[in-house]
């Protein structure tokens, strides 16, 4: 996991691209972050916000930082 943020924006796409519609968004979340990629993507989950980018793998899906 990589975290350089203080607030996350759900479904904000990486690299400033257009946001996918909610029904097309990956349902994965980790703590306060929601993956902004499309459903079925490969690799790490990504949440991008103005302060930075957070990534996580499937093993952390649905977990909170306080539980780790």
C-alpha atoms as a PDB file:
ATOM      1  CA  UNK A   1       0.000   0.000   0.000  1.00  0.00           C
ATOM      2  CA  UNK A   2       1.216   3.470  -0.846  1.00  0.00           C
ATOM      3  CA  UNK A   3      -0.422   6.502   0.805  1.00  0.00           C
ATOM      4  CA  UNK A   4       0.404  10.155   0.257  1.00  0.00           C
ATOM      5  CA  UNK A   5      -3.064  11.551   0.901  1.00  0.00           C
ATOM      6  CA  UNK A   6      -5.312  12.923   3.593  1.00  0.00           C
ATOM      7  CA  UNK A   7      -8.674  12.745   1.799  1.00  0.00           C
ATOM      8  CA  UNK A   8      -9.793  10.476  -0.987  1.00  0.00           C
ATOM      9  CA  UNK A   9     -12.269  11.167  -3.731  1.00  0.00           C
ATOM     10  CA  UNK A  10     -14.223   8.045  -4.715  1.00  0.00           C
ATOM     11  CA  UNK A  11     -14.061   7.021  -8.365  1.00  0.00           C
ATOM     12  CA  UNK A  12     -11.562   9.710  -9.331  1.00  0.00           C
ATOM     13  CA  UNK A  13      -9.546   8.165 -12.161  1.00  0.00           C
ATOM     14  CA  UNK A  14      -5.757   8.000 -12.173  1.00  0.00           C
ATOM     15  CA  UNK A  15      -3.825  10.351 -14.442  1.00  0.00           C
ATOM     16  CA  UNK A  16      -6.712  12.830 -14.771  1.00  0.00           C
ATOM     17  CA  UNK A  17      -8.690  10.775 -17.309  1.00  0.00           C
ATOM     18  CA  UNK A  18     -12.462  10.692 -17.527  1.00  0.00           C
ATOM     19  CA  UNK A  19     -14.193   9.019 -14.589  1.00  0.00           C
ATOM     20  CA  UNK A  20     -16.021   5.772 -15.354  1.00  0.00           C
ATOM     21  CA  UNK A  21     -19.736   5.640 -14.530  1.00  0.00           C
ATOM     22  CA  UNK A  22     -20.569   4.214 -11.085  1.00  0.00           C
ATOM     23  CA  UNK A  23     -21.857   0.955 -12.587  1.00  0.00           C
ATOM     24  CA  UNK A  24     -18.504   0.551 -14.392  1.00  0.00           C
ATOM     25  CA  UNK A  25     -16.286   1.350 -11.369  1.00  0.00           C
ATOM     26  CA  UNK A  26     -14.305  -1.272  -9.545  1.00  0.00           C
ATOM     27  CA  UNK A  27     -16.063  -1.983  -6.222  1.00  0.00           C
ATOM     28  CA  UNK A  28     -12.795  -2.419  -4.294  1.00  0.00           C
ATOM     29  CA  UNK A  29     -12.124  -0.198  -1.292  1.00  0.00           C
ATOM     30  CA  UNK A  30      -9.371   0.018   1.291  1.00  0.00           C
ATOM     31  CA  UNK A  31      -9.975   2.078   4.419  1.00  0.00           C
ATOM     32  CA  UNK A  32     -11.321   5.440   3.135  1.00  0.00           C
ATOM     33  CA  UNK A  33     -10.191   4.928  -0.469  1.00  0.00           C
ATOM     34  CA  UNK A  34     -12.295   3.608  -3.349  1.00  0.00           C
ATOM     35  CA  UNK A  35     -10.709   2.291  -6.524  1.00  0.00           C
ATOM     36  CA  UNK A  36     -11.235   4.672  -9.432  1.00  0.00           C
ATOM     37  CA  UNK A  37     -10.499   2.153 -12.164  1.00  0.00           C
ATOM     38  CA  UNK A  38     -13.033   0.245 -14.241  1.00  0.00           C
ATOM     39  CA  UNK A  39     -14.392  -3.123 -13.139  1.00  0.00           C
ATOM     40  CA  UNK A  40     -12.280  -6.045 -14.241  1.00  0.00           C
ATOM     41  CA  UNK A  41      -9.014  -4.104 -14.393  1.00  0.00           C
ATOM     42  CA  UNK A  42      -5.780  -5.963 -13.769  1.00  0.00           C
ATOM     43  CA  UNK A  43      -3.056  -5.202 -11.258  1.00  0.00           C
ATOM     44  CA  UNK A  44      -3.288  -2.935  -8.238  1.00  0.00           C
ATOM     45  CA  UNK A  45      -6.339  -0.924  -7.226  1.00  0.00           C
ATOM     46  CA  UNK A  46      -5.779   2.848  -7.437  1.00  0.00           C
ATOM     47  CA  UNK A  47      -7.323   5.877  -5.768  1.00  0.00           C
ATOM     48  CA  UNK A  48      -5.973   9.193  -7.018  1.00  0.00           C
ATOM     49  CA  UNK A  49      -6.596  12.486  -5.311  1.00  0.00           C
ATOM     50  CA  UNK A  50      -5.044  15.932  -5.484  1.00  0.00           C
ATOM     51  CA  UNK A  51      -2.615  15.180  -2.621  1.00  0.00           C
ATOM     52  CA  UNK A  52      -1.342  11.896  -4.026  1.00  0.00           C
ATOM     53  CA  UNK A  53      -2.153   8.370  -5.008  1.00  0.00           C
ATOM     54  CA  UNK A  54      -2.981   5.276  -2.975  1.00  0.00           C
ATOM     55  CA  UNK A  55      -2.640   1.732  -4.315  1.00  0.00           C
ATOM     56  CA  UNK A  56      -3.551  -1.634  -2.776  1.00  0.00           C
ATOM     57  CA  UNK A  57      -3.850  -5.260  -3.819  1.00  0.00           C
ATOM     58  CA  UNK A  58      -6.796  -7.669  -3.582  1.00  0.00           C
ATOM     59  CA  UNK A  59      -5.619  -8.964  -0.181  1.00  0.00           C
ATOM     60  CA  UNK A  60      -6.398  -5.550   1.385  1.00  0.00           C
ATOM     61  CA  UNK A  61      -9.795  -5.133  -0.286  1.00  0.00           C
ATOM     62  CA  UNK A  62     -12.444  -4.232   2.285  1.00  0.00           C
ATOM     63  CA  UNK A  63      -9.996  -3.793   5.169  1.00  0.00           C
ATOM     64  CA  UNK A  64      -9.447  -0.725   7.341  1.00  0.00           C
ATOM     65  CA  UNK A  65      -6.026   0.505   8.445  1.00  0.00           C
ATOM     66  CA  UNK A  66      -7.028   0.112  12.096  1.00  0.00           C
ATOM     67  CA  UNK A  67      -7.635  -3.617  11.531  1.00  0.00           C
ATOM     68  CA  UNK A  68      -4.123  -4.288  10.227  1.00  0.00           C
END
